[in-house]
Amino acid sequence: MYWKGHVGASLLAYAPFGAELVRAGDVAIASLGAAVMVALATLPDLDHRLRLVNHRGFTHTAGFAVLVGAVVGAGGYHLADAVAPLLGPATTAGQVGFLVGTLSVLTHVVADVVTPMGVRPLWPLADWHVSLSLVPAKSPIANYALLFAGVLASGSAMVVAVS
């Protein structure tokens, strides 16, 4: 997938979590979580710019997802500690940060599964390759459809959560 598809997939995956946070009264954390999901949607494709890293190698694995989750979770914990009146308890911000960081990478990986190139999500533990070969990564229809679905799902989830 290209960036539009990855952003859409991220919003689609985050919609139920964001809605639950809004429903629980954590609107600031829900909003920040959505922004971080969008910001990290293409993080695994950083491997395009790294000479020593293969495309769809380590950055497209569950291990990388957990690593990013840990970093974002720690950032959320410390950020909330610094601005507690805005974000609420640091523990909640840390937990949401871990969820958002991990989910953003996993969502990226799942979106790449539909392409012919696929991914090896459990590397280096297993060399299992997954590809559904449904659409090419550059498919404008698939990328815009995911973007549309993500915006619609996240918008709808927020409307339902506040009503």
N, C-alpha and C. Protein backbone atom coordinates (compact mmCIF):
# COMPACT_ATOMS: atom_id res chain seq x y z
N MET A 1 0.83 -1.18 0.00
CA MET A 1 0.00 0.00 0.00
C MET A 1 0.88 1.25 0.00
N TYR A 2 0.28 2.33 -0.44
CA TYR A 2 0.95 3.62 -0.39
C TYR A 2 0.42 4.38 0.83
N TRP A 3 0.92 5.60 1.04
CA TRP A 3 0.63 6.30 2.30
C TRP A 3 -0.86 6.50 2.54
N LYS A 4 -1.63 6.77 1.51
CA LYS A 4 -3.07 6.99 1.70
C LYS A 4 -3.74 5.73 2.24
N GLY A 5 -3.38 4.60 1.69
CA GLY A 5 -3.94 3.33 2.16
C GLY A 5 -3.53 3.04 3.58
N HIS A 6 -2.28 3.33 3.93
CA HIS A 6 -1.81 3.07 5.29
C HIS A 6 -2.47 4.01 6.30
N VAL A 7 -2.67 5.26 5.94
CA VAL A 7 -3.37 6.20 6.82
C VAL A 7 -4.81 5.72 7.03
N GLY A 8 -5.47 5.34 5.96
CA GLY A 8 -6.84 4.84 6.07
C GLY A 8 -6.93 3.60 6.93
N ALA A 9 -6.01 2.66 6.72
CA ALA A 9 -6.00 1.43 7.52
C ALA A 9 -5.78 1.75 9.00
N SER A 10 -4.92 2.71 9.28
CA SER A 10 -4.67 3.10 10.68
C SER A 10 -5.91 3.69 11.32
N LEU A 11 -6.58 4.58 10.60
CA LEU A 11 -7.81 5.17 11.14
C LEU A 11 -8.90 4.12 11.33
N LEU A 12 -8.98 3.19 10.42
CA LEU A 12 -9.96 2.11 10.50
C LEU A 12 -9.70 1.24 11.73
N ALA A 13 -8.45 0.91 11.96
CA ALA A 13 -8.10 0.07 13.11
C ALA A 13 -8.27 0.81 14.44
N TYR A 14 -8.00 2.11 14.44
CA TYR A 14 -8.06 2.89 15.68
C TYR A 14 -9.47 3.30 16.07
N ALA A 15 -10.39 3.34 15.13
CA ALA A 15 -11.74 3.86 15.37
C ALA A 15 -12.40 3.30 16.62
N PRO A 16 -12.44 1.97 16.84
CA PRO A 16 -13.12 1.49 18.04
C PRO A 16 -12.41 1.89 19.34
N PHE A 17 -11.09 1.95 19.31
CA PHE A 17 -10.34 2.35 20.51
C PHE A 17 -10.55 3.82 20.82
N GLY A 18 -10.47 4.65 19.77
CA GLY A 18 -10.70 6.08 19.95
C GLY A 18 -12.10 6.36 20.47
N ALA A 19 -13.08 5.66 19.93
CA ALA A 19 -14.46 5.84 20.38
C ALA A 19 -14.61 5.46 21.84
N GLU A 20 -13.97 4.39 22.25
CA GLU A 20 -14.07 3.96 23.65
C GLU A 20 -13.40 4.97 24.57
N LEU A 21 -12.29 5.55 24.15
CA LEU A 21 -11.63 6.58 24.95
C LEU A 21 -12.53 7.82 25.08
N VAL A 22 -13.17 8.22 23.97
CA VAL A 22 -14.08 9.36 24.02
C VAL A 22 -15.24 9.05 24.95
N ARG A 23 -15.80 7.87 24.82
CA ARG A 23 -16.92 7.45 25.67
C ARG A 23 -16.53 7.48 27.15
N ALA A 24 -15.25 7.16 27.43
CA ALA A 24 -14.77 7.15 28.81
C ALA A 24 -14.39 8.55 29.30
N GLY A 25 -14.48 9.54 28.43
CA GLY A 25 -14.17 10.91 28.82
C GLY A 25 -12.73 11.32 28.58
N ASP A 26 -11.93 10.48 27.94
CA ASP A 26 -10.53 10.79 27.65
C ASP A 26 -10.39 11.35 26.24
N VAL A 27 -11.04 12.47 25.99
CA VAL A 27 -11.08 13.06 24.65
C VAL A 27 -9.68 13.49 24.20
N ALA A 28 -8.91 14.09 25.08
CA ALA A 28 -7.56 14.54 24.71
C ALA A 28 -6.68 13.36 24.32
N ILE A 29 -6.73 12.29 25.09
CA ILE A 29 -5.92 11.11 24.78
C ILE A 29 -6.42 10.46 23.48
N ALA A 30 -7.73 10.41 23.30
CA ALA A 30 -8.29 9.83 22.07
C ALA A 30 -7.83 10.62 20.85
N SER A 31 -7.86 11.93 20.94
CA SER A 31 -7.44 12.79 19.82
C SER A 31 -5.95 12.65 19.55
N LEU A 32 -5.17 12.66 20.61
CA LEU A 32 -3.73 12.50 20.44
C LEU A 32 -3.40 11.11 19.88
N GLY A 33 -4.13 10.11 20.34
CA GLY A 33 -3.93 8.76 19.82
C GLY A 33 -4.19 8.68 18.33
N ALA A 34 -5.26 9.31 17.88
CA ALA A 34 -5.57 9.32 16.44
C ALA A 34 -4.47 10.03 15.66
N ALA A 35 -3.99 11.14 16.20
CA ALA A 35 -2.92 11.88 15.52
C ALA A 35 -1.64 11.05 15.43
N VAL A 36 -1.33 10.34 16.50
CA VAL A 36 -0.12 9.50 16.51
C VAL A 36 -0.29 8.33 15.54
N MET A 37 -1.49 7.74 15.50
CA MET A 37 -1.74 6.66 14.53
C MET A 37 -1.46 7.13 13.11
N VAL A 38 -1.96 8.30 12.77
CA VAL A 38 -1.76 8.84 11.42
C VAL A 38 -0.28 9.15 11.20
N ALA A 39 0.36 9.73 12.20
CA ALA A 39 1.78 10.07 12.07
C ALA A 39 2.66 8.84 11.89
N LEU A 40 2.29 7.74 12.52
CA LEU A 40 3.11 6.52 12.45
C LEU A 40 2.65 5.56 11.35
N ALA A 41 1.62 5.91 10.61
CA ALA A 41 1.05 5.00 9.62
C ALA A 41 2.06 4.49 8.61
N THR A 42 3.02 5.30 8.25
CA THR A 42 4.00 4.89 7.25
C THR A 42 5.38 4.64 7.84
N LEU A 43 5.50 4.63 9.17
CA LEU A 43 6.80 4.42 9.81
C LEU A 43 7.53 3.18 9.31
N PRO A 44 6.89 2.03 9.15
CA PRO A 44 7.63 0.87 8.67
C PRO A 44 8.29 1.06 7.30
N ASP A 45 7.77 1.96 6.48
CA ASP A 45 8.38 2.21 5.18
C ASP A 45 9.61 3.10 5.27
N LEU A 46 10.00 3.43 6.48
CA LEU A 46 11.29 4.12 6.68
C LEU A 46 12.41 3.28 6.10
N ASP A 47 12.19 1.98 6.00
CA ASP A 47 13.22 1.09 5.46
C ASP A 47 13.61 1.43 4.02
N HIS A 48 12.77 2.18 3.32
CA HIS A 48 13.13 2.64 1.97
C HIS A 48 14.35 3.57 2.02
N ARG A 49 14.52 4.26 3.14
CA ARG A 49 15.58 5.25 3.26
C ARG A 49 16.82 4.74 3.99
N LEU A 50 16.77 3.51 4.47
CA LEU A 50 17.88 2.94 5.22
C LEU A 50 18.62 1.93 4.36
N ARG A 51 19.87 2.20 4.08
CA ARG A 51 20.64 1.35 3.17
C ARG A 51 20.82 -0.08 3.67
N LEU A 52 20.98 -0.25 4.96
CA LEU A 52 21.29 -1.57 5.50
C LEU A 52 20.06 -2.39 5.89
N VAL A 53 18.88 -1.86 5.60
CA VAL A 53 17.65 -2.54 5.98
C VAL A 53 16.86 -2.89 4.71
N ASN A 54 16.48 -4.16 4.59
CA ASN A 54 15.69 -4.59 3.44
C ASN A 54 14.26 -4.09 3.56
N HIS A 55 13.67 -3.74 2.40
CA HIS A 55 12.27 -3.31 2.42
C HIS A 55 11.39 -4.49 2.82
N ARG A 56 10.48 -4.20 3.71
CA ARG A 56 9.58 -5.18 4.30
C ARG A 56 10.35 -6.27 5.05
N GLY A 57 11.43 -5.83 5.65
CA GLY A 57 12.20 -6.70 6.53
C GLY A 57 11.76 -6.47 7.97
N PHE A 58 12.71 -6.16 8.86
CA PHE A 58 12.42 -6.02 10.29
C PHE A 58 11.35 -4.98 10.60
N THR A 59 11.30 -3.91 9.82
CA THR A 59 10.32 -2.86 10.11
C THR A 59 8.88 -3.29 9.81
N HIS A 60 8.72 -4.45 9.23
CA HIS A 60 7.39 -4.97 8.91
C HIS A 60 7.12 -6.26 9.70
N THR A 61 7.52 -6.26 10.98
CA THR A 61 7.36 -7.44 11.82
C THR A 61 6.64 -7.11 13.12
N ALA A 62 6.17 -8.16 13.77
CA ALA A 62 5.53 -8.00 15.08
C ALA A 62 6.53 -7.48 16.10
N GLY A 63 7.78 -7.89 15.99
CA GLY A 63 8.82 -7.41 16.91
C GLY A 63 9.00 -5.91 16.81
N PHE A 64 9.02 -5.39 15.60
CA PHE A 64 9.15 -3.94 15.41
C PHE A 64 7.91 -3.24 15.96
N ALA A 65 6.74 -3.84 15.79
CA ALA A 65 5.50 -3.26 16.33
C ALA A 65 5.58 -3.11 17.84
N VAL A 66 6.06 -4.13 18.52
CA VAL A 66 6.18 -4.07 19.99
C VAL A 66 7.24 -3.04 20.39
N LEU A 67 8.33 -2.98 19.66
CA LEU A 67 9.38 -1.99 19.94
C LEU A 67 8.83 -0.57 19.81
N VAL A 68 8.13 -0.29 18.73
CA VAL A 68 7.53 1.04 18.54
C VAL A 68 6.50 1.30 19.63
N GLY A 69 5.70 0.29 19.97
CA GLY A 69 4.72 0.44 21.04
C GLY A 69 5.37 0.81 22.36
N ALA A 70 6.49 0.16 22.67
CA ALA A 70 7.20 0.45 23.92
C ALA A 70 7.72 1.89 23.94
N VAL A 71 8.27 2.33 22.82
CA VAL A 71 8.80 3.70 22.74
C VAL A 71 7.68 4.73 22.85
N VAL A 72 6.59 4.52 22.12
CA VAL A 72 5.48 5.46 22.16
C VAL A 72 4.79 5.42 23.53
N GLY A 73 4.69 4.23 24.11
CA GLY A 73 4.10 4.10 25.45
C GLY A 73 4.91 4.84 26.49
N ALA A 74 6.23 4.70 26.42
CA ALA A 74 7.09 5.43 27.37
C ALA A 74 6.96 6.93 27.15
N GLY A 75 6.89 7.33 25.88
CA GLY A 75 6.70 8.76 25.59
C GLY A 75 5.37 9.27 26.12
N GLY A 76 4.31 8.49 25.94
CA GLY A 76 3.00 8.87 26.45
C GLY A 76 2.99 8.99 27.97
N TYR A 77 3.65 8.06 28.62
CA TYR A 77 3.71 8.07 30.08
C TYR A 77 4.40 9.34 30.58
N HIS A 78 5.55 9.65 29.98
CA HIS A 78 6.32 10.82 30.43
C HIS A 78 5.68 12.14 29.99
N LEU A 79 5.06 12.15 28.83
CA LEU A 79 4.37 13.36 28.37
C LEU A 79 3.19 13.68 29.28
N ALA A 80 2.43 12.66 29.64
CA ALA A 80 1.27 12.87 30.51
C ALA A 80 1.71 13.33 31.89
N ASP A 81 2.84 12.83 32.33
CA ASP A 81 3.37 13.24 33.63
C ASP A 81 3.68 14.73 33.61
N ALA A 82 4.15 15.24 32.47
CA ALA A 82 4.52 16.65 32.35
C ALA A 82 3.30 17.55 32.18
N VAL A 83 2.26 17.06 31.52
CA VAL A 83 1.07 17.88 31.26
C VAL A 83 -0.19 17.19 31.78
N ALA A 84 -0.13 16.69 32.99
CA ALA A 84 -1.21 15.89 33.58
C ALA A 84 -2.60 16.51 33.49
N PRO A 85 -2.76 17.81 33.67
CA PRO A 85 -4.13 18.34 33.60
C PRO A 85 -4.77 18.16 32.22
N LEU A 86 -3.96 18.12 31.16
CA LEU A 86 -4.51 17.98 29.81
C LEU A 86 -4.77 16.53 29.42
N LEU A 87 -3.86 15.64 29.78
CA LEU A 87 -3.95 14.26 29.31
C LEU A 87 -4.46 13.27 30.34
N GLY A 88 -4.56 13.64 31.56
CA GLY A 88 -5.02 12.68 32.56
C GLY A 88 -3.88 11.85 33.11
N PRO A 89 -4.20 10.71 33.70
CA PRO A 89 -3.18 9.90 34.36
C PRO A 89 -2.09 9.42 33.40
N ALA A 90 -0.85 9.46 33.89
CA ALA A 90 0.29 9.03 33.07
C ALA A 90 0.17 7.56 32.69
N THR A 91 -0.35 6.74 33.59
CA THR A 91 -0.48 5.31 33.29
C THR A 91 -1.39 5.11 32.08
N THR A 92 -2.51 5.80 32.04
CA THR A 92 -3.43 5.68 30.91
C THR A 92 -2.76 6.13 29.62
N ALA A 93 -2.07 7.25 29.65
CA ALA A 93 -1.39 7.75 28.46
C ALA A 93 -0.31 6.77 28.01
N GLY A 94 0.38 6.16 28.94
CA GLY A 94 1.39 5.17 28.60
C GLY A 94 0.79 3.93 27.97
N GLN A 95 -0.32 3.47 28.53
CA GLN A 95 -1.00 2.29 27.98
C GLN A 95 -1.55 2.59 26.58
N VAL A 96 -2.18 3.73 26.42
CA VAL A 96 -2.70 4.11 25.11
C VAL A 96 -1.54 4.28 24.13
N GLY A 97 -0.45 4.86 24.59
CA GLY A 97 0.73 5.01 23.73
C GLY A 97 1.26 3.67 23.25
N PHE A 98 1.32 2.70 24.15
CA PHE A 98 1.78 1.37 23.75
C PHE A 98 0.82 0.77 22.73
N LEU A 99 -0.47 0.88 22.98
CA LEU A 99 -1.47 0.36 22.06
C LEU A 99 -1.36 1.03 20.69
N VAL A 100 -1.28 2.34 20.69
CA VAL A 100 -1.23 3.10 19.44
C VAL A 100 0.05 2.78 18.66
N GLY A 101 1.18 2.75 19.33
CA GLY A 101 2.44 2.44 18.65
C GLY A 101 2.44 1.05 18.04
N THR A 102 1.98 0.08 18.82
CA THR A 102 1.95 -1.30 18.35
C THR A 102 0.92 -1.46 17.23
N LEU A 103 -0.27 -0.91 17.46
CA LEU A 103 -1.35 -1.04 16.48
C LEU A 103 -1.01 -0.37 15.16
N SER A 104 -0.33 0.76 15.20
CA SER A 104 -0.01 1.46 13.96
C SER A 104 0.90 0.60 13.07
N VAL A 105 1.90 -0.03 13.66
CA VAL A 105 2.80 -0.87 12.87
C VAL A 105 2.09 -2.14 12.41
N LEU A 106 1.34 -2.77 13.32
CA LEU A 106 0.63 -3.99 12.93
C LEU A 106 -0.37 -3.72 11.81
N THR A 107 -1.03 -2.56 11.87
CA THR A 107 -1.99 -2.20 10.83
C THR A 107 -1.28 -2.01 9.49
N HIS A 108 -0.11 -1.39 9.53
CA HIS A 108 0.68 -1.21 8.31
C HIS A 108 1.03 -2.57 7.71
N VAL A 109 1.47 -3.48 8.58
CA VAL A 109 1.87 -4.82 8.13
C VAL A 109 0.67 -5.55 7.51
N VAL A 110 -0.47 -5.48 8.17
CA VAL A 110 -1.67 -6.15 7.65
C VAL A 110 -2.07 -5.55 6.30
N ALA A 111 -1.98 -4.23 6.16
CA ALA A 111 -2.31 -3.60 4.88
C ALA A 111 -1.37 -4.08 3.78
N ASP A 112 -0.12 -4.34 4.11
CA ASP A 112 0.83 -4.83 3.10
C ASP A 112 0.63 -6.31 2.77
N VAL A 113 -0.10 -7.02 3.60
CA VAL A 113 -0.38 -8.44 3.33
C VAL A 113 -1.24 -8.59 2.07
N VAL A 114 -2.06 -7.61 1.76
CA VAL A 114 -2.94 -7.74 0.59
C VAL A 114 -2.21 -7.56 -0.73
N THR A 115 -0.95 -7.16 -0.68
CA THR A 115 -0.16 -6.94 -1.90
C THR A 115 0.60 -8.22 -2.27
N PRO A 116 1.01 -8.33 -3.54
CA PRO A 116 1.77 -9.51 -3.96
C PRO A 116 3.10 -9.69 -3.22
N MET A 117 3.75 -8.61 -2.85
CA MET A 117 5.05 -8.72 -2.17
C MET A 117 4.88 -9.32 -0.77
N GLY A 118 3.78 -9.01 -0.09
CA GLY A 118 3.52 -9.58 1.23
C GLY A 118 4.54 -9.19 2.28
N VAL A 119 4.54 -9.91 3.39
CA VAL A 119 5.44 -9.63 4.51
C VAL A 119 5.85 -10.93 5.20
N ARG A 120 6.86 -10.84 6.05
CA ARG A 120 7.28 -11.93 6.93
C ARG A 120 7.11 -11.41 8.36
N PRO A 121 5.88 -11.43 8.89
CA PRO A 121 5.58 -10.76 10.15
C PRO A 121 6.25 -11.34 11.39
N LEU A 122 6.71 -12.56 11.35
CA LEU A 122 7.33 -13.18 12.53
C LEU A 122 8.84 -13.30 12.42
N TRP A 123 9.42 -12.70 11.37
CA TRP A 123 10.87 -12.74 11.21
C TRP A 123 11.53 -12.06 12.40
N PRO A 124 12.59 -12.52 12.97
CA PRO A 124 13.46 -13.62 12.59
C PRO A 124 13.08 -14.96 13.23
N LEU A 125 11.99 -14.99 13.99
CA LEU A 125 11.58 -16.23 14.65
C LEU A 125 11.09 -17.27 13.66
N ALA A 126 10.45 -16.83 12.60
CA ALA A 126 9.95 -17.74 11.57
C ALA A 126 10.04 -17.04 10.22
N ASP A 127 10.29 -17.80 9.19
CA ASP A 127 10.43 -17.23 7.85
C ASP A 127 9.11 -17.28 7.09
N TRP A 128 8.02 -17.40 7.82
CA TRP A 128 6.68 -17.49 7.25
C TRP A 128 6.37 -16.24 6.44
N HIS A 129 6.00 -16.41 5.19
CA HIS A 129 5.68 -15.31 4.29
C HIS A 129 4.17 -15.29 4.08
N VAL A 130 3.56 -14.08 4.20
CA VAL A 130 2.12 -13.94 4.04
C VAL A 130 1.83 -12.93 2.93
N SER A 131 1.05 -13.35 1.96
CA SER A 131 0.60 -12.46 0.90
C SER A 131 -0.73 -12.97 0.37
N LEU A 132 -1.71 -12.09 0.34
CA LEU A 132 -2.99 -12.45 -0.24
C LEU A 132 -3.04 -12.13 -1.74
N SER A 133 -2.07 -11.34 -2.20
CA SER A 133 -1.97 -10.96 -3.62
C SER A 133 -3.29 -10.45 -4.19
N LEU A 134 -3.97 -9.62 -3.43
CA LEU A 134 -5.26 -9.10 -3.89
C LEU A 134 -5.12 -7.88 -4.80
N VAL A 135 -4.25 -6.96 -4.41
CA VAL A 135 -4.08 -5.72 -5.19
C VAL A 135 -2.61 -5.30 -5.14
N PRO A 136 -2.14 -4.64 -6.19
CA PRO A 136 -0.79 -4.10 -6.12
C PRO A 136 -0.73 -2.93 -5.13
N ALA A 137 0.40 -2.73 -4.53
CA ALA A 137 0.57 -1.65 -3.54
C ALA A 137 0.22 -0.29 -4.14
N LYS A 138 0.47 -0.11 -5.42
CA LYS A 138 0.23 1.20 -6.05
C LYS A 138 -1.20 1.39 -6.53
N SER A 139 -2.09 0.46 -6.27
CA SER A 139 -3.47 0.57 -6.74
C SER A 139 -4.17 1.79 -6.15
N PRO A 140 -4.52 2.78 -6.99
CA PRO A 140 -5.20 3.96 -6.46
C PRO A 140 -6.57 3.61 -5.89
N ILE A 141 -7.25 2.66 -6.50
CA ILE A 141 -8.57 2.28 -6.00
C ILE A 141 -8.46 1.70 -4.59
N ALA A 142 -7.53 0.79 -4.38
CA ALA A 142 -7.37 0.18 -3.06
C ALA A 142 -6.91 1.20 -2.02
N ASN A 143 -5.97 2.07 -2.40
CA ASN A 143 -5.47 3.06 -1.45
C ASN A 143 -6.54 4.07 -1.07
N TYR A 144 -7.29 4.57 -2.05
CA TYR A 144 -8.35 5.53 -1.75
C TYR A 144 -9.52 4.86 -1.01
N ALA A 145 -9.79 3.61 -1.33
CA ALA A 145 -10.87 2.89 -0.63
C ALA A 145 -10.52 2.73 0.85
N LEU A 146 -9.28 2.39 1.14
CA LEU A 146 -8.87 2.28 2.55
C LEU A 146 -8.91 3.63 3.24
N LEU A 147 -8.46 4.67 2.56
CA LEU A 147 -8.50 6.01 3.15
C LEU A 147 -9.94 6.42 3.44
N PHE A 148 -10.82 6.21 2.49
CA PHE A 148 -12.23 6.54 2.67
C PHE A 148 -12.84 5.74 3.83
N ALA A 149 -12.56 4.44 3.86
CA ALA A 149 -13.10 3.58 4.93
C ALA A 149 -12.59 4.02 6.30
N GLY A 150 -11.32 4.38 6.38
CA GLY A 150 -10.74 4.82 7.65
C GLY A 150 -11.33 6.13 8.14
N VAL A 151 -11.48 7.09 7.25
CA VAL A 151 -12.05 8.39 7.63
C VAL A 151 -13.52 8.21 8.03
N LEU A 152 -14.24 7.42 7.26
CA LEU A 152 -15.65 7.17 7.58
C LEU A 152 -15.81 6.44 8.92
N ALA A 153 -15.01 5.41 9.13
CA ALA A 153 -15.11 4.64 10.38
C ALA A 153 -14.73 5.48 11.59
N SER A 154 -13.63 6.23 11.49
CA SER A 154 -13.21 7.02 12.65
C SER A 154 -14.18 8.16 12.92
N GLY A 155 -14.66 8.81 11.87
CA GLY A 155 -15.64 9.88 12.06
C GLY A 155 -16.94 9.36 12.65
N SER A 156 -17.42 8.25 12.12
CA SER A 156 -18.65 7.64 12.63
C SER A 156 -18.50 7.19 14.07
N ALA A 157 -17.36 6.61 14.39
CA ALA A 157 -17.11 6.13 15.75
C ALA A 157 -17.12 7.29 16.75
N MET A 158 -16.56 8.42 16.38
CA MET A 158 -16.53 9.58 17.27
C MET A 158 -17.93 10.16 17.46
N VAL A 159 -18.70 10.23 16.37
CA VAL A 159 -20.07 10.74 16.47
C VAL A 159 -20.90 9.85 17.39
N VAL A 160 -20.78 8.55 17.24
CA VAL A 160 -21.52 7.62 18.08
C VAL A 160 -21.06 7.72 19.54
N ALA A 161 -19.76 7.90 19.72
CA ALA A 161 -19.21 7.96 21.09
C ALA A 161 -19.69 9.17 21.86
N VAL A 162 -19.86 10.30 21.21
CA VAL A 162 -20.27 11.51 21.92
C VAL A 162 -21.79 11.62 22.07
N SER A 163 -22.51 10.81 21.34
CA SER A 163 -23.98 10.89 21.44
C SER A 163 -24.56 9.94 22.46
